[in-house]
Amino acid sequence: MGVGVDTSLDEAVREIATLLAVAYRRHAQVRQVGSSKPPLPSTEALDNTVETSPHELTLTRQRKESPRL
């Protein structure tokens, strides 16, 4: 310890280090538990790749002609 350093500061640092060590040990012993929420429903029913979309985009940036009424 250097000259002029307060001993209470050194004690406080030791106490904080002890508290952190205890908290780390407790955290390391905690067992991880799974979520109680059920899994999300499947999105397979939403698959509409068979249907053609009126808003279909192409890579050539050509627009489909809209039917004129």
PDB file of N, CA and C in Angstrom:
ATOM      1  N   MET A   1       0.858  -1.174   0.000  1.00  0.00           N
ATOM      2  CA  MET A   1       0.000   0.000   0.000  1.00  0.00           C
ATOM      3  C   MET A   1       0.896   1.225   0.000  1.00  0.00           C
ATOM      4  N   GLY A   2       0.556   2.218  -0.824  1.00  0.00           N
ATOM      5  CA  GLY A   2       1.364   3.426  -0.954  1.00  0.00           C
ATOM      6  C   GLY A   2       1.163   4.370   0.209  1.00  0.00           C
ATOM      7  N   VAL A   3       2.015   5.357   0.283  1.00  0.00           N
ATOM      8  CA  VAL A   3       1.945   6.356   1.349  1.00  0.00           C
ATOM      9  C   VAL A   3       0.731   7.249   1.111  1.00  0.00           C
ATOM     10  N   GLY A   4      -0.064   7.483   2.140  1.00  0.00           N
ATOM     11  CA  GLY A   4      -1.199   8.370   2.058  1.00  0.00           C
ATOM     12  C   GLY A   4      -2.479   7.705   1.554  1.00  0.00           C
ATOM     13  N   VAL A   5      -2.437   6.403   1.272  1.00  0.00           N
ATOM     14  CA  VAL A   5      -3.639   5.701   0.820  1.00  0.00           C
ATOM     15  C   VAL A   5      -4.441   5.291   2.041  1.00  0.00           C
ATOM     16  N   ASP A   6      -5.721   5.598   2.027  1.00  0.00           N
ATOM     17  CA  ASP A   6      -6.602   5.301   3.152  1.00  0.00           C
ATOM     18  C   ASP A   6      -6.832   3.794   3.250  1.00  0.00           C
ATOM     19  N   THR A   7      -6.729   3.246   4.470  1.00  0.00           N
ATOM     20  CA  THR A   7      -6.931   1.805   4.651  1.00  0.00           C
ATOM     21  C   THR A   7      -8.387   1.415   4.438  1.00  0.00           C
ATOM     22  N   SER A   8      -9.313   2.344   4.660  1.00  0.00           N
ATOM     23  CA  SER A   8     -10.729   2.007   4.459  1.00  0.00           C
ATOM     24  C   SER A   8     -11.018   1.763   2.973  1.00  0.00           C
ATOM     25  N   LEU A   9     -10.300   2.422   2.089  1.00  0.00           N
ATOM     26  CA  LEU A   9     -10.457   2.192   0.660  1.00  0.00           C
ATOM     27  C   LEU A   9     -10.023   0.778   0.299  1.00  0.00           C
ATOM     28  N   ASP A  10      -8.903   0.353   0.856  1.00  0.00           N
ATOM     29  CA  ASP A  10      -8.404  -0.994   0.612  1.00  0.00           C
ATOM     30  C   ASP A  10      -9.396  -2.036   1.137  1.00  0.00           C
ATOM     31  N   GLU A  11      -9.976  -1.791   2.292  1.00  0.00           N
ATOM     32  CA  GLU A  11     -10.965  -2.708   2.859  1.00  0.00           C
ATOM     33  C   GLU A  11     -12.221  -2.754   1.987  1.00  0.00           C
ATOM     34  N   ALA A  12     -12.631  -1.610   1.467  1.00  0.00           N
ATOM     35  CA  ALA A  12     -13.822  -1.556   0.611  1.00  0.00           C
ATOM     36  C   ALA A  12     -13.593  -2.354  -0.673  1.00  0.00           C
ATOM     37  N   VAL A  13     -12.394  -2.237  -1.239  1.00  0.00           N
ATOM     38  CA  VAL A  13     -12.083  -2.979  -2.456  1.00  0.00           C
ATOM     39  C   VAL A  13     -12.106  -4.473  -2.178  1.00  0.00           C
ATOM     40  N   ARG A  14     -11.558  -4.898  -1.034  1.00  0.00           N
ATOM     41  CA  ARG A  14     -11.578  -6.316  -0.669  1.00  0.00           C
ATOM     42  C   ARG A  14     -13.006  -6.813  -0.476  1.00  0.00           C
ATOM     43  N   GLU A  15     -13.848  -5.995   0.176  1.00  0.00           N
ATOM     44  CA  GLU A  15     -15.234  -6.394   0.412  1.00  0.00           C
ATOM     45  C   GLU A  15     -15.999  -6.528  -0.911  1.00  0.00           C
ATOM     46  N   ILE A  16     -15.780  -5.601  -1.823  1.00  0.00           N
ATOM     47  CA  ILE A  16     -16.441  -5.670  -3.137  1.00  0.00           C
ATOM     48  C   ILE A  16     -15.968  -6.903  -3.899  1.00  0.00           C
ATOM     49  N   ALA A  17     -14.673  -7.183  -3.836  1.00  0.00           N
ATOM     50  CA  ALA A  17     -14.136  -8.355  -4.528  1.00  0.00           C
ATOM     51  C   ALA A  17     -14.730  -9.634  -3.950  1.00  0.00           C
ATOM     52  N   THR A  18     -14.903  -9.684  -2.653  1.00  0.00           N
ATOM     53  CA  THR A  18     -15.501 -10.856  -2.010  1.00  0.00           C
ATOM     54  C   THR A  18     -16.954 -11.028  -2.444  1.00  0.00           C
ATOM     55  N   LEU A  19     -17.706  -9.923  -2.469  1.00  0.00           N
ATOM     56  CA  LEU A  19     -19.102  -9.988  -2.887  1.00  0.00           C
ATOM     57  C   LEU A  19     -19.231 -10.433  -4.343  1.00  0.00           C
ATOM     58  N   LEU A  20     -18.355  -9.922  -5.201  1.00  0.00           N
ATOM     59  CA  LEU A  20     -18.382 -10.338  -6.606  1.00  0.00           C
ATOM     60  C   LEU A  20     -18.045 -11.817  -6.758  1.00  0.00           C
ATOM     61  N   ALA A  21     -17.095 -12.304  -5.975  1.00  0.00           N
ATOM     62  CA  ALA A  21     -16.719 -13.712  -6.052  1.00  0.00           C
ATOM     63  C   ALA A  21     -17.880 -14.603  -5.614  1.00  0.00           C
ATOM     64  N   VAL A  22     -18.580 -14.215  -4.557  1.00  0.00           N
ATOM     65  CA  VAL A  22     -19.723 -14.994  -4.078  1.00  0.00           C
ATOM     66  C   VAL A  22     -20.839 -14.980  -5.121  1.00  0.00           C
ATOM     67  N   ALA A  23     -21.087 -13.816  -5.707  1.00  0.00           N
ATOM     68  CA  ALA A  23     -22.134 -13.720  -6.720  1.00  0.00           C
ATOM     69  C   ALA A  23     -21.790 -14.570  -7.942  1.00  0.00           C
ATOM     70  N   TYR A  24     -20.522 -14.592  -8.333  1.00  0.00           N
ATOM     71  CA  TYR A  24     -20.109 -15.409  -9.478  1.00  0.00           C
ATOM     72  C   TYR A  24     -20.295 -16.889  -9.182  1.00  0.00           C
ATOM     73  N   ARG A  25     -19.927 -17.316  -7.988  1.00  0.00           N
ATOM     74  CA  ARG A  25     -20.096 -18.737  -7.632  1.00  0.00           C
ATOM     75  C   ARG A  25     -21.566 -19.131  -7.658  1.00  0.00           C
ATOM     76  N   ARG A  26     -22.437 -18.254  -7.153  1.00  0.00           N
ATOM     77  CA  ARG A  26     -23.874 -18.555  -7.165  1.00  0.00           C
ATOM     78  C   ARG A  26     -24.389 -18.634  -8.594  1.00  0.00           C
ATOM     79  N   HIS A  27     -23.945 -17.711  -9.441  1.00  0.00           N
ATOM     80  CA  HIS A  27     -24.383 -17.708 -10.833  1.00  0.00           C
ATOM     81  C   HIS A  27     -23.912 -18.970 -11.553  1.00  0.00           C
ATOM     82  N   ALA A  28     -22.717 -19.418 -11.254  1.00  0.00           N
ATOM     83  CA  ALA A  28     -22.176 -20.607 -11.909  1.00  0.00           C
ATOM     84  C   ALA A  28     -22.948 -21.859 -11.490  1.00  0.00           C
ATOM     85  N   GLN A  29     -23.553 -21.851 -10.319  1.00  0.00           N
ATOM     86  CA  GLN A  29     -24.288 -23.016  -9.827  1.00  0.00           C
ATOM     87  C   GLN A  29     -25.732 -23.035 -10.299  1.00  0.00           C
ATOM     88  N   VAL A  30     -26.249 -21.905 -10.793  1.00  0.00           N
ATOM     89  CA  VAL A  30     -27.637 -21.841 -11.229  1.00  0.00           C
ATOM     90  C   VAL A  30     -27.802 -22.685 -12.492  1.00  0.00           C
ATOM     91  N   ARG A  31     -28.806 -23.559 -12.475  1.00  0.00           N
ATOM     92  CA  ARG A  31     -29.056 -24.404 -13.640  1.00  0.00           C
ATOM     93  C   ARG A  31     -29.974 -23.673 -14.589  1.00  0.00           C
ATOM     94  N   GLN A  32     -29.662 -23.748 -15.860  1.00  0.00           N
ATOM     95  CA  GLN A  32     -30.492 -23.120 -16.873  1.00  0.00           C
ATOM     96  C   GLN A  32     -31.731 -23.982 -17.085  1.00  0.00           C
ATOM     97  N   VAL A  33     -32.883 -23.346 -17.108  1.00  0.00           N
ATOM     98  CA  VAL A  33     -34.130 -24.067 -17.346  1.00  0.00           C
ATOM     99  C   VAL A  33     -34.711 -23.616 -18.678  1.00  0.00           C
ATOM    100  N   GLY A  34     -35.431 -24.503 -19.323  1.00  0.00           N
ATOM    101  CA  GLY A  34     -36.028 -24.194 -20.612  1.00  0.00           C
ATOM    102  C   GLY A  34     -37.206 -23.257 -20.462  1.00  0.00           C
ATOM    103  N   SER A  35     -37.616 -22.699 -21.564  1.00  0.00           N
ATOM    104  CA  SER A  35     -38.751 -21.793 -21.578  1.00  0.00           C
ATOM    105  C   SER A  35     -40.049 -22.580 -21.402  1.00  0.00           C
ATOM    106  N   SER A  36     -40.992 -22.015 -20.695  1.00  0.00           N
ATOM    107  CA  SER A  36     -42.273 -22.687 -20.488  1.00  0.00           C
ATOM    108  C   SER A  36     -43.238 -22.404 -21.637  1.00  0.00           C
ATOM    109  N   LYS A  37     -42.850 -21.541 -22.573  1.00  0.00           N
ATOM    110  CA  LYS A  37     -43.713 -21.220 -23.706  1.00  0.00           C
ATOM    111  C   LYS A  37     -43.660 -22.356 -24.729  1.00  0.00           C
ATOM    112  N   PRO A  38     -44.793 -22.670 -25.338  1.00  0.00           N
ATOM    113  CA  PRO A  38     -44.781 -23.702 -26.380  1.00  0.00           C
ATOM    114  C   PRO A  38     -44.092 -23.160 -27.632  1.00  0.00           C
ATOM    115  N   PRO A  39     -43.625 -24.038 -28.513  1.00  0.00           N
ATOM    116  CA  PRO A  39     -42.967 -23.556 -29.735  1.00  0.00           C
ATOM    117  C   PRO A  39     -43.962 -22.826 -30.632  1.00  0.00           C
ATOM    118  N   LEU A  40     -43.452 -21.942 -31.449  1.00  0.00           N
ATOM    119  CA  LEU A  40     -44.309 -21.193 -32.364  1.00  0.00           C
ATOM    120  C   LEU A  40     -44.900 -22.136 -33.416  1.00  0.00           C
ATOM    121  N   PRO A  41     -46.101 -21.841 -33.875  1.00  0.00           N
ATOM    122  CA  PRO A  41     -46.725 -22.714 -34.879  1.00  0.00           C
ATOM    123  C   PRO A  41     -45.961 -22.652 -36.203  1.00  0.00           C
ATOM    124  N   SER A  42     -46.084 -23.720 -36.963  1.00  0.00           N
ATOM    125  CA  SER A  42     -45.414 -23.813 -38.254  1.00  0.00           C
ATOM    126  C   SER A  42     -46.029 -22.841 -39.248  1.00  0.00           C
ATOM    127  N   THR A  43     -45.216 -22.361 -40.159  1.00  0.00           N
ATOM    128  CA  THR A  43     -45.711 -21.454 -41.191  1.00  0.00           C
ATOM    129  C   THR A  43     -45.926 -22.168 -42.520  1.00  0.00           C
ATOM    130  N   GLU A  44     -45.880 -23.490 -42.516  1.00  0.00           N
ATOM    131  CA  GLU A  44     -46.055 -24.241 -43.755  1.00  0.00           C
ATOM    132  C   GLU A  44     -47.423 -23.993 -44.380  1.00  0.00           C
ATOM    133  N   ALA A  45     -48.434 -23.774 -43.574  1.00  0.00           N
ATOM    134  CA  ALA A  45     -49.780 -23.539 -44.107  1.00  0.00           C
ATOM    135  C   ALA A  45     -49.858 -22.215 -44.857  1.00  0.00           C
ATOM    136  N   LEU A  46     -48.922 -21.310 -44.610  1.00  0.00           N
ATOM    137  CA  LEU A  46     -48.934 -20.013 -45.268  1.00  0.00           C
ATOM    138  C   LEU A  46     -48.226 -20.024 -46.619  1.00  0.00           C
ATOM    139  N   ASP A  47     -47.666 -21.159 -46.998  1.00  0.00           N
ATOM    140  CA  ASP A  47     -46.928 -21.260 -48.257  1.00  0.00           C
ATOM    141  C   ASP A  47     -47.881 -21.071 -49.431  1.00  0.00           C
ATOM    142  N   ASN A  48     -47.666 -20.026 -50.211  1.00  0.00           N
ATOM    143  CA  ASN A  48     -48.519 -19.769 -51.380  1.00  0.00           C
ATOM    144  C   ASN A  48     -47.660 -19.627 -52.636  1.00  0.00           C
ATOM    145  N   THR A  49     -46.621 -20.404 -52.752  1.00  0.00           N
ATOM    146  CA  THR A  49     -45.743 -20.314 -53.910  1.00  0.00           C
ATOM    147  C   THR A  49     -46.402 -20.845 -55.172  1.00  0.00           C
ATOM    148  N   VAL A  50     -47.456 -21.638 -55.038  1.00  0.00           N
ATOM    149  CA  VAL A  50     -48.149 -22.175 -56.203  1.00  0.00           C
ATOM    150  C   VAL A  50     -48.994 -21.087 -56.852  1.00  0.00           C
ATOM    151  N   GLU A  51     -49.542 -20.202 -56.050  1.00  0.00           N
ATOM    152  CA  GLU A  51     -50.393 -19.138 -56.579  1.00  0.00           C
ATOM    153  C   GLU A  51     -49.517 -18.051 -57.208  1.00  0.00           C
ATOM    154  N   THR A  52     -50.009 -17.463 -58.274  1.00  0.00           N
ATOM    155  CA  THR A  52     -49.272 -16.352 -58.880  1.00  0.00           C
ATOM    156  C   THR A  52     -49.747 -15.051 -58.255  1.00  0.00           C
ATOM    157  N   SER A  53     -48.837 -14.170 -58.080  1.00  0.00           N
ATOM    158  CA  SER A  53     -49.149 -12.901 -57.441  1.00  0.00           C
ATOM    159  C   SER A  53     -49.377 -11.815 -58.481  1.00  0.00           C
ATOM    160  N   PRO A  54     -50.356 -10.964 -58.287  1.00  0.00           N
ATOM    161  CA  PRO A  54     -50.536  -9.843 -59.216  1.00  0.00           C
ATOM    162  C   PRO A  54     -49.440  -8.797 -59.050  1.00  0.00           C
ATOM    163  N   HIS A  55     -48.666  -8.900 -58.003  1.00  0.00           N
ATOM    164  CA  HIS A  55     -47.607  -7.938 -57.708  1.00  0.00           C
ATOM    165  C   HIS A  55     -46.225  -8.548 -57.935  1.00  0.00           C
ATOM    166  N   GLU A  56     -46.141  -9.485 -58.835  1.00  0.00           N
ATOM    167  CA  GLU A  56     -44.901 -10.204 -59.076  1.00  0.00           C
ATOM    168  C   GLU A  56     -43.818  -9.272 -59.619  1.00  0.00           C
ATOM    169  N   LEU A  57     -42.628  -9.392 -59.071  1.00  0.00           N
ATOM    170  CA  LEU A  57     -41.488  -8.618 -59.535  1.00  0.00           C
ATOM    171  C   LEU A  57     -40.615  -9.490 -60.413  1.00  0.00           C
ATOM    172  N   THR A  58     -39.973  -8.888 -61.375  1.00  0.00           N
ATOM    173  CA  THR A  58     -39.044  -9.631 -62.218  1.00  0.00           C
ATOM    174  C   THR A  58     -37.658  -9.013 -62.083  1.00  0.00           C
ATOM    175  N   LEU A  59     -36.659  -9.766 -62.462  1.00  0.00           N
ATOM    176  CA  LEU A  59     -35.292  -9.274 -62.365  1.00  0.00           C
ATOM    177  C   LEU A  59     -34.967  -8.256 -63.447  1.00  0.00           C
ATOM    178  N   THR A  60     -35.764  -8.211 -64.488  1.00  0.00           N
ATOM    179  CA  THR A  60     -35.489  -7.274 -65.589  1.00  0.00           C
ATOM    180  C   THR A  60     -36.194  -5.944 -65.391  1.00  0.00           C
ATOM    181  N   ARG A  61     -36.865  -5.779 -64.316  1.00  0.00           N
ATOM    182  CA  ARG A  61     -37.582  -4.553 -63.963  1.00  0.00           C
ATOM    183  C   ARG A  61     -38.689  -4.209 -64.963  1.00  0.00           C
ATOM    184  N   GLN A  62     -39.182  -5.208 -65.636  1.00  0.00           N
ATOM    185  CA  GLN A  62     -40.303  -4.975 -66.540  1.00  0.00           C
ATOM    186  C   GLN A  62     -41.588  -5.129 -65.752  1.00  0.00           C
ATOM    187  N   ARG A  63     -42.466  -4.204 -65.948  1.00  0.00           N
ATOM    188  CA  ARG A  63     -43.745  -4.266 -65.251  1.00  0.00           C
ATOM    189  C   ARG A  63     -44.741  -5.046 -66.088  1.00  0.00           C
ATOM    190  N   LYS A  64     -45.600  -5.742 -65.384  1.00  0.00           N
ATOM    191  CA  LYS A  64     -46.706  -6.412 -66.087  1.00  0.00           C
ATOM    192  C   LYS A  64     -47.737  -5.355 -66.424  1.00  0.00           C
ATOM    193  N   GLU A  65     -48.330  -5.512 -67.581  1.00  0.00           N
ATOM    194  CA  GLU A  65     -49.377  -4.584 -67.973  1.00  0.00           C
ATOM    195  C   GLU A  65     -50.622  -4.858 -67.164  1.00  0.00           C
ATOM    196  N   SER A  66     -51.195  -3.813 -66.618  1.00  0.00           N
ATOM    197  CA  SER A  66     -52.432  -3.981 -65.875  1.00  0.00           C
ATOM    198  C   SER A  66     -53.598  -4.027 -66.860  1.00  0.00           C
ATOM    199  N   PRO A  67     -54.592  -4.843 -66.582  1.00  0.00           N
ATOM    200  CA  PRO A  67     -55.748  -4.913 -67.493  1.00  0.00           C
ATOM    201  C   PRO A  67     -56.511  -3.597 -67.471  1.00  0.00           C
ATOM    202  N   ARG A  68     -56.801  -3.072 -68.624  1.00  0.00           N
ATOM    203  CA  ARG A  68     -57.534  -1.802 -68.698  1.00  0.00           C
ATOM    204  C   ARG A  68     -59.030  -2.109 -68.784  1.00  0.00           C
ATOM    205  N   LEU A  69     -59.763  -1.391 -68.020  1.00  0.00           N
ATOM    206  CA  LEU A  69     -61.217  -1.605 -67.996  1.00  0.00           C
ATOM    207  C   LEU A  69     -61.937  -0.646 -68.877  1.00  0.00           C
TER     208      LEU A  69
END
